[in-house]
Amino acid sequence: MRNKPNFFSLPRRFIAPLVIFGGLIAGLGVYIIYMSKAHVYLGDDPAACVNCHIMTPYYQSWFHNSHAKWTTCNDCHVPQNSVISKYYFKAMDGLLHSAVFTMRAEPLAIRARKASSNVVMENCIRCHTQLNNEFVKTGMMSFTEAREGKGKACWDCHTTVAHGKQSNIASTPNAIVTPLPESPIPTWLKNAMK
């Protein structure tokens, strides 16, 4: 019976290159996580959204809207039915966003995809259940039903909530957002590049 080869039975000349290669891969992974500020996306801080400059007008329009006092971006834009669905949706959406932004393929005006529209409308209804059922009696309607012409999506009537019609990079080209995202580039590296 033959012994299974293991890491320590490799010739010594292969061990050092394998350790160095493994260290480079691990270091590159940590560097990418650090530079992309991946850890901030685990929380609910709306300032995380402005890590990408393209989100500046959307953050600005939310910040100056009535919903800013009561909601965060995640309150509207991710499912709230369970922690698992929340983070799964955030991960899938984040991967799509990072691919689009990395390839510089973002549109001038970002609009929600069908899955995002479903989530946003469900969250509108979740927060405004009493209003929909008792006061204006519009009831519960899904985004799918609105697309089928059985009614309207919430934002068809409420055009200025929470971002307004004019939210895009061209409508606010010089938008200044507070807080500005902190640069992940160390000061010594910035000085060395001057």
C-alpha atoms as a PDB file:
ATOM      1  CA  MET A   1       0.000   0.000   0.000  1.00  0.00           C
ATOM      2  CA  ARG A   2       1.389   3.390  -1.043  1.00  0.00           C
ATOM      3  CA  ASN A   3       1.542   6.313   1.341  1.00  0.00           C
ATOM      4  CA  LYS A   4      -0.414   9.373   0.310  1.00  0.00           C
ATOM      5  CA  PRO A   5       1.847  12.307  -0.480  1.00  0.00           C
ATOM      6  CA  ASN A   6       1.497  15.275   1.812  1.00  0.00           C
ATOM      7  CA  PHE A   7       2.854  18.784   1.917  1.00  0.00           C
ATOM      8  CA  PHE A   8       5.806  17.901   4.131  1.00  0.00           C
ATOM      9  CA  SER A   9       6.935  15.025   1.924  1.00  0.00           C
ATOM     10  CA  LEU A  10       7.496  17.365  -1.029  1.00  0.00           C
ATOM     11  CA  PRO A  11      11.083  18.093  -1.955  1.00  0.00           C
ATOM     12  CA  ARG A  12      12.432  21.091  -0.056  1.00  0.00           C
ATOM     13  CA  ARG A  13      12.903  23.083  -3.254  1.00  0.00           C
ATOM     14  CA  PHE A  14       9.095  23.176  -3.766  1.00  0.00           C
ATOM     15  CA  ILE A  15       8.100  24.169  -0.227  1.00  0.00           C
ATOM     16  CA  ALA A  16       9.485  27.730  -0.254  1.00  0.00           C
ATOM     17  CA  PRO A  17       7.902  28.674  -3.630  1.00  0.00           C
ATOM     18  CA  LEU A  18       4.561  27.191  -2.539  1.00  0.00           C
ATOM     19  CA  VAL A  19       4.631  29.133   0.741  1.00  0.00           C
ATOM     20  CA  ILE A  20       5.580  32.348  -1.079  1.00  0.00           C
ATOM     21  CA  PHE A  21       2.873  31.835  -3.727  1.00  0.00           C
ATOM     22  CA  GLY A  22       0.276  31.077  -1.041  1.00  0.00           C
ATOM     23  CA  GLY A  23       1.338  34.193   0.879  1.00  0.00           C
ATOM     24  CA  LEU A  24       1.055  36.340  -2.248  1.00  0.00           C
ATOM     25  CA  ILE A  25      -2.442  35.033  -2.984  1.00  0.00           C
ATOM     26  CA  ALA A  26      -3.559  35.558   0.639  1.00  0.00           C
ATOM     27  CA  GLY A  27      -1.972  39.030   0.750  1.00  0.00           C
ATOM     28  CA  LEU A  28      -3.603  40.032  -2.528  1.00  0.00           C
ATOM     29  CA  GLY A  29      -6.975  38.834  -1.199  1.00  0.00           C
ATOM     30  CA  VAL A  30      -6.608  40.862   2.005  1.00  0.00           C
ATOM     31  CA  TYR A  31      -5.474  43.913  -0.005  1.00  0.00           C
ATOM     32  CA  ILE A  32      -8.519  43.688  -2.304  1.00  0.00           C
ATOM     33  CA  ILE A  33     -10.862  43.407   0.676  1.00  0.00           C
ATOM     34  CA  TYR A  34      -9.146  46.394   2.337  1.00  0.00           C
ATOM     35  CA  MET A  35      -9.148  48.604  -0.784  1.00  0.00           C
ATOM     36  CA  SER A  36     -12.755  47.818  -1.650  1.00  0.00           C
ATOM     37  CA  LYS A  37     -13.822  48.493   1.944  1.00  0.00           C
ATOM     38  CA  ALA A  38     -15.768  45.229   1.835  1.00  0.00           C
ATOM     39  CA  HIS A  39     -16.314  45.228   5.589  1.00  0.00           C
ATOM     40  CA  VAL A  40     -18.480  48.379   5.527  1.00  0.00           C
ATOM     41  CA  TYR A  41     -21.081  46.628   3.392  1.00  0.00           C
ATOM     42  CA  LEU A  42     -21.854  44.199   6.207  1.00  0.00           C
ATOM     43  CA  GLY A  43     -23.547  46.972   8.159  1.00  0.00           C
ATOM     44  CA  ASP A  44     -26.402  49.381   7.437  1.00  0.00           C
ATOM     45  CA  ASP A  45     -24.530  52.697   7.292  1.00  0.00           C
ATOM     46  CA  PRO A  46     -25.760  54.669   4.244  1.00  0.00           C
ATOM     47  CA  ALA A  47     -22.317  56.268   3.910  1.00  0.00           C
ATOM     48  CA  ALA A  48     -21.078  52.906   2.609  1.00  0.00           C
ATOM     49  CA  CYS A  49     -23.103  53.512  -0.542  1.00  0.00           C
ATOM     50  CA  VAL A  50     -20.971  56.510  -1.520  1.00  0.00           C
ATOM     51  CA  ASN A  51     -17.810  54.422  -1.685  1.00  0.00           C
ATOM     52  CA  CYS A  52     -18.692  54.380  -5.385  1.00  0.00           C
ATOM     53  CA  HIS A  53     -18.786  57.934  -6.758  1.00  0.00           C
ATOM     54  CA  ILE A  54     -21.687  57.063  -9.066  1.00  0.00           C
ATOM     55  CA  MET A  55     -23.921  56.703  -5.994  1.00  0.00           C
ATOM     56  CA  THR A  56     -23.328  60.306  -4.867  1.00  0.00           C
ATOM     57  CA  PRO A  57     -26.526  61.834  -6.346  1.00  0.00           C
ATOM     58  CA  TYR A  58     -28.626  58.967  -4.986  1.00  0.00           C
ATOM     59  CA  TYR A  59     -27.153  59.378  -1.518  1.00  0.00           C
ATOM     60  CA  GLN A  60     -27.557  63.154  -1.709  1.00  0.00           C
ATOM     61  CA  SER A  61     -31.189  62.973  -2.815  1.00  0.00           C
ATOM     62  CA  TRP A  62     -31.983  60.430  -0.060  1.00  0.00           C
ATOM     63  CA  PHE A  63     -30.128  62.493   2.558  1.00  0.00           C
ATOM     64  CA  HIS A  64     -32.233  65.580   1.786  1.00  0.00           C
ATOM     65  CA  ASN A  65     -35.493  63.623   1.628  1.00  0.00           C
ATOM     66  CA  SER A  66     -37.991  62.927   4.399  1.00  0.00           C
ATOM     67  CA  HIS A  67     -37.059  59.227   4.469  1.00  0.00           C
ATOM     68  CA  ALA A  68     -33.499  59.962   5.646  1.00  0.00           C
ATOM     69  CA  LYS A  69     -34.711  60.555   9.187  1.00  0.00           C
ATOM     70  CA  TRP A  70     -36.347  57.120   9.423  1.00  0.00           C
ATOM     71  CA  THR A  71     -34.581  54.785   6.987  1.00  0.00           C
ATOM     72  CA  THR A  72     -31.242  53.604   5.692  1.00  0.00           C
ATOM     73  CA  CYS A  73     -30.518  52.372   2.169  1.00  0.00           C
ATOM     74  CA  ASN A  74     -30.888  48.781   3.336  1.00  0.00           C
ATOM     75  CA  ASP A  75     -34.331  49.413   4.801  1.00  0.00           C
ATOM     76  CA  CYS A  76     -35.633  49.925   1.267  1.00  0.00           C
ATOM     77  CA  HIS A  77     -33.199  48.104  -0.997  1.00  0.00           C
ATOM     78  CA  VAL A  78     -32.737  44.674   0.619  1.00  0.00           C
ATOM     79  CA  PRO A  79     -35.275  42.072   1.760  1.00  0.00           C
ATOM     80  CA  GLN A  80     -36.244  42.308   5.414  1.00  0.00           C
ATOM     81  CA  ASN A  81     -37.925  38.924   5.865  1.00  0.00           C
ATOM     82  CA  SER A  82     -34.785  37.143   7.183  1.00  0.00           C
ATOM     83  CA  VAL A  83     -31.104  37.729   7.839  1.00  0.00           C
ATOM     84  CA  ILE A  84     -30.178  35.055   5.301  1.00  0.00           C
ATOM     85  CA  SER A  85     -32.206  36.587   2.466  1.00  0.00           C
ATOM     86  CA  LYS A  86     -30.922  40.050   3.399  1.00  0.00           C
ATOM     87  CA  TYR A  87     -27.250  39.120   3.150  1.00  0.00           C
ATOM     88  CA  TYR A  88     -27.763  36.839   0.146  1.00  0.00           C
ATOM     89  CA  PHE A  89     -29.441  39.707  -1.728  1.00  0.00           C
ATOM     90  CA  LYS A  90     -26.734  42.150  -0.617  1.00  0.00           C
ATOM     91  CA  ALA A  91     -24.015  39.751  -1.796  1.00  0.00           C
ATOM     92  CA  MET A  92     -25.605  39.140  -5.201  1.00  0.00           C
ATOM     93  CA  ASP A  93     -26.341  42.837  -5.728  1.00  0.00           C
ATOM     94  CA  GLY A  94     -22.859  43.794  -4.520  1.00  0.00           C
ATOM     95  CA  LEU A  95     -21.169  41.366  -6.896  1.00  0.00           C
ATOM     96  CA  LEU A  96     -23.183  42.777  -9.788  1.00  0.00           C
ATOM     97  CA  HIS A  97     -22.379  46.357  -8.763  1.00  0.00           C
ATOM     98  CA  SER A  98     -18.676  45.668  -8.386  1.00  0.00           C
ATOM     99  CA  ALA A  99     -18.539  43.972 -11.802  1.00  0.00           C
ATOM    100  CA  VAL A 100     -20.412  46.830 -13.489  1.00  0.00           C
ATOM    101  CA  PHE A 101     -18.342  49.543 -11.786  1.00  0.00           C
ATOM    102  CA  THR A 102     -15.040  47.740 -12.374  1.00  0.00           C
ATOM    103  CA  MET A 103     -15.814  47.443 -16.090  1.00  0.00           C
ATOM    104  CA  ARG A 104     -16.967  51.092 -16.143  1.00  0.00           C
ATOM    105  CA  ALA A 105     -20.291  49.936 -17.597  1.00  0.00           C
ATOM    106  CA  GLU A 106     -22.578  51.893 -15.276  1.00  0.00           C
ATOM    107  CA  PRO A 107     -25.391  53.798 -16.985  1.00  0.00           C
ATOM    108  CA  LEU A 108     -25.756  57.547 -16.625  1.00  0.00           C
ATOM    109  CA  ALA A 109     -28.918  57.073 -14.565  1.00  0.00           C
ATOM    110  CA  ILE A 110     -29.050  53.945 -12.436  1.00  0.00           C
ATOM    111  CA  ARG A 111     -32.439  52.289 -12.373  1.00  0.00           C
ATOM    112  CA  ALA A 112     -33.552  49.324 -10.322  1.00  0.00           C
ATOM    113  CA  ARG A 113     -33.647  45.877 -11.897  1.00  0.00           C
ATOM    114  CA  LYS A 114     -36.831  43.794 -11.609  1.00  0.00           C
ATOM    115  CA  ALA A 115     -35.573  41.923  -8.514  1.00  0.00           C
ATOM    116  CA  SER A 116     -34.653  45.205  -6.831  1.00  0.00           C
ATOM    117  CA  SER A 117     -37.982  46.781  -7.735  1.00  0.00           C
ATOM    118  CA  ASN A 118     -39.803  43.826  -6.160  1.00  0.00           C
ATOM    119  CA  VAL A 119     -37.800  44.269  -2.947  1.00  0.00           C
ATOM    120  CA  VAL A 120     -38.308  48.042  -2.829  1.00  0.00           C
ATOM    121  CA  MET A 121     -42.056  47.757  -3.330  1.00  0.00           C
ATOM    122  CA  GLU A 122     -42.342  45.012  -0.700  1.00  0.00           C
ATOM    123  CA  ASN A 123     -40.502  47.304   1.720  1.00  0.00           C
ATOM    124  CA  CYS A 124     -42.757  50.258   0.879  1.00  0.00           C
ATOM    125  CA  ILE A 125     -45.733  48.097   1.734  1.00  0.00           C
ATOM    126  CA  ARG A 126     -44.042  46.674   4.848  1.00  0.00           C
ATOM    127  CA  CYS A 127     -43.466  50.140   6.298  1.00  0.00           C
ATOM    128  CA  HIS A 128     -46.761  51.635   5.163  1.00  0.00           C
ATOM    129  CA  THR A 129     -49.096  48.696   5.856  1.00  0.00           C
ATOM    130  CA  GLN A 130     -51.527  50.664   8.026  1.00  0.00           C
ATOM    131  CA  LEU A 131     -51.629  53.525   5.527  1.00  0.00           C
ATOM    132  CA  ASN A 132     -52.348  51.154   2.625  1.00  0.00           C
ATOM    133  CA  ASN A 133     -54.978  49.066   4.395  1.00  0.00           C
ATOM    134  CA  GLU A 134     -56.810  51.434   6.725  1.00  0.00           C
ATOM    135  CA  PHE A 135     -56.462  54.982   5.456  1.00  0.00           C
ATOM    136  CA  VAL A 136     -56.221  55.077   1.651  1.00  0.00           C
ATOM    137  CA  LYS A 137     -57.365  51.465   1.192  1.00  0.00           C
ATOM    138  CA  THR A 138     -55.089  50.724  -1.738  1.00  0.00           C
ATOM    139  CA  GLY A 139     -54.264  47.351  -0.225  1.00  0.00           C
ATOM    140  CA  MET A 140     -51.238  45.244  -0.950  1.00  0.00           C
ATOM    141  CA  MET A 141     -49.965  45.015  -4.482  1.00  0.00           C
ATOM    142  CA  SER A 142     -46.795  43.392  -5.694  1.00  0.00           C
ATOM    143  CA  PHE A 143     -44.497  44.923  -8.272  1.00  0.00           C
ATOM    144  CA  THR A 144     -45.336  41.989 -10.561  1.00  0.00           C
ATOM    145  CA  GLU A 145     -49.020  42.956 -10.425  1.00  0.00           C
ATOM    146  CA  ALA A 146     -48.090  46.575 -11.182  1.00  0.00           C
ATOM    147  CA  ARG A 147     -46.056  45.436 -14.213  1.00  0.00           C
ATOM    148  CA  GLU A 148     -49.058  43.433 -15.416  1.00  0.00           C
ATOM    149  CA  GLY A 149     -51.150  46.625 -15.403  1.00  0.00           C
ATOM    150  CA  LYS A 150     -53.252  45.720 -12.359  1.00  0.00           C
ATOM    151  CA  GLY A 151     -52.217  48.891 -10.593  1.00  0.00           C
ATOM    152  CA  LYS A 152     -49.258  51.179 -10.121  1.00  0.00           C
ATOM    153  CA  ALA A 153     -45.946  50.811  -8.374  1.00  0.00           C
ATOM    154  CA  CYS A 154     -45.545  53.063  -5.334  1.00  0.00           C
ATOM    155  CA  TRP A 155     -43.045  55.324  -7.110  1.00  0.00           C
ATOM    156  CA  ASP A 156     -45.374  55.891 -10.088  1.00  0.00           C
ATOM    157  CA  CYS A 157     -47.322  58.327  -7.889  1.00  0.00           C
ATOM    158  CA  HIS A 158     -44.693  59.154  -5.261  1.00  0.00           C
ATOM    159  CA  THR A 159     -42.116  60.364  -7.785  1.00  0.00           C
ATOM    160  CA  THR A 160     -39.937  62.286  -5.352  1.00  0.00           C
ATOM    161  CA  VAL A 161     -39.612  59.493  -2.747  1.00  0.00           C
ATOM    162  CA  ALA A 162     -36.856  58.758  -1.887  1.00  0.00           C
ATOM    163  CA  HIS A 163     -34.560  59.807  -4.713  1.00  0.00           C
ATOM    164  CA  GLY A 164     -36.694  61.858  -7.076  1.00  0.00           C
ATOM    165  CA  LYS A 165     -36.872  61.831 -10.842  1.00  0.00           C
ATOM    166  CA  GLN A 166     -33.629  63.709 -11.377  1.00  0.00           C
ATOM    167  CA  SER A 167     -31.253  61.366  -9.575  1.00  0.00           C
ATOM    168  CA  ASN A 168     -28.371  60.693 -11.882  1.00  0.00           C
ATOM    169  CA  ILE A 169     -24.752  61.719 -12.221  1.00  0.00           C
ATOM    170  CA  ALA A 170     -25.591  64.363 -14.869  1.00  0.00           C
ATOM    171  CA  SER A 171     -28.237  66.095 -12.734  1.00  0.00           C
ATOM    172  CA  THR A 172     -25.794  66.648  -9.883  1.00  0.00           C
ATOM    173  CA  PRO A 173     -22.323  66.581 -11.465  1.00  0.00           C
ATOM    174  CA  ASN A 174     -20.674  68.508  -8.634  1.00  0.00           C
ATOM    175  CA  ALA A 175     -22.601  66.949  -5.779  1.00  0.00           C
ATOM    176  CA  ILE A 176     -20.769  67.061  -2.493  1.00  0.00           C
ATOM    177  CA  VAL A 177     -21.656  64.356  -0.057  1.00  0.00           C
ATOM    178  CA  THR A 178     -21.043  64.392   3.652  1.00  0.00           C
ATOM    179  CA  PRO A 179     -19.475  62.287   4.914  1.00  0.00           C
ATOM    180  CA  LEU A 180     -16.960  61.909   2.149  1.00  0.00           C
ATOM    181  CA  PRO A 181     -15.621  58.374   2.062  1.00  0.00           C
ATOM    182  CA  GLU A 182     -12.180  58.077   3.557  1.00  0.00           C
ATOM    183  CA  SER A 183      -9.526  57.064   1.042  1.00  0.00           C
ATOM    184  CA  PRO A 184      -8.128  53.588   1.635  1.00  0.00           C
ATOM    185  CA  ILE A 185      -4.772  54.645   0.165  1.00  0.00           C
ATOM    186  CA  PRO A 186      -2.189  55.217   2.911  1.00  0.00           C
ATOM    187  CA  THR A 187      -0.777  58.755   3.151  1.00  0.00           C
ATOM    188  CA  TRP A 188       2.811  57.569   2.580  1.00  0.00           C
ATOM    189  CA  LEU A 189       1.736  56.002  -0.735  1.00  0.00           C
ATOM    190  CA  LYS A 190      -0.092  59.159  -1.835  1.00  0.00           C
ATOM    191  CA  ASN A 191       3.027  61.198  -1.064  1.00  0.00           C
ATOM    192  CA  ALA A 192       5.241  58.747  -2.961  1.00  0.00           C
ATOM    193  CA  MET A 193       3.048  59.068  -6.083  1.00  0.00           C
ATOM    194  CA  LYS A 194       3.351  62.887  -6.185  1.00  0.00           C
END
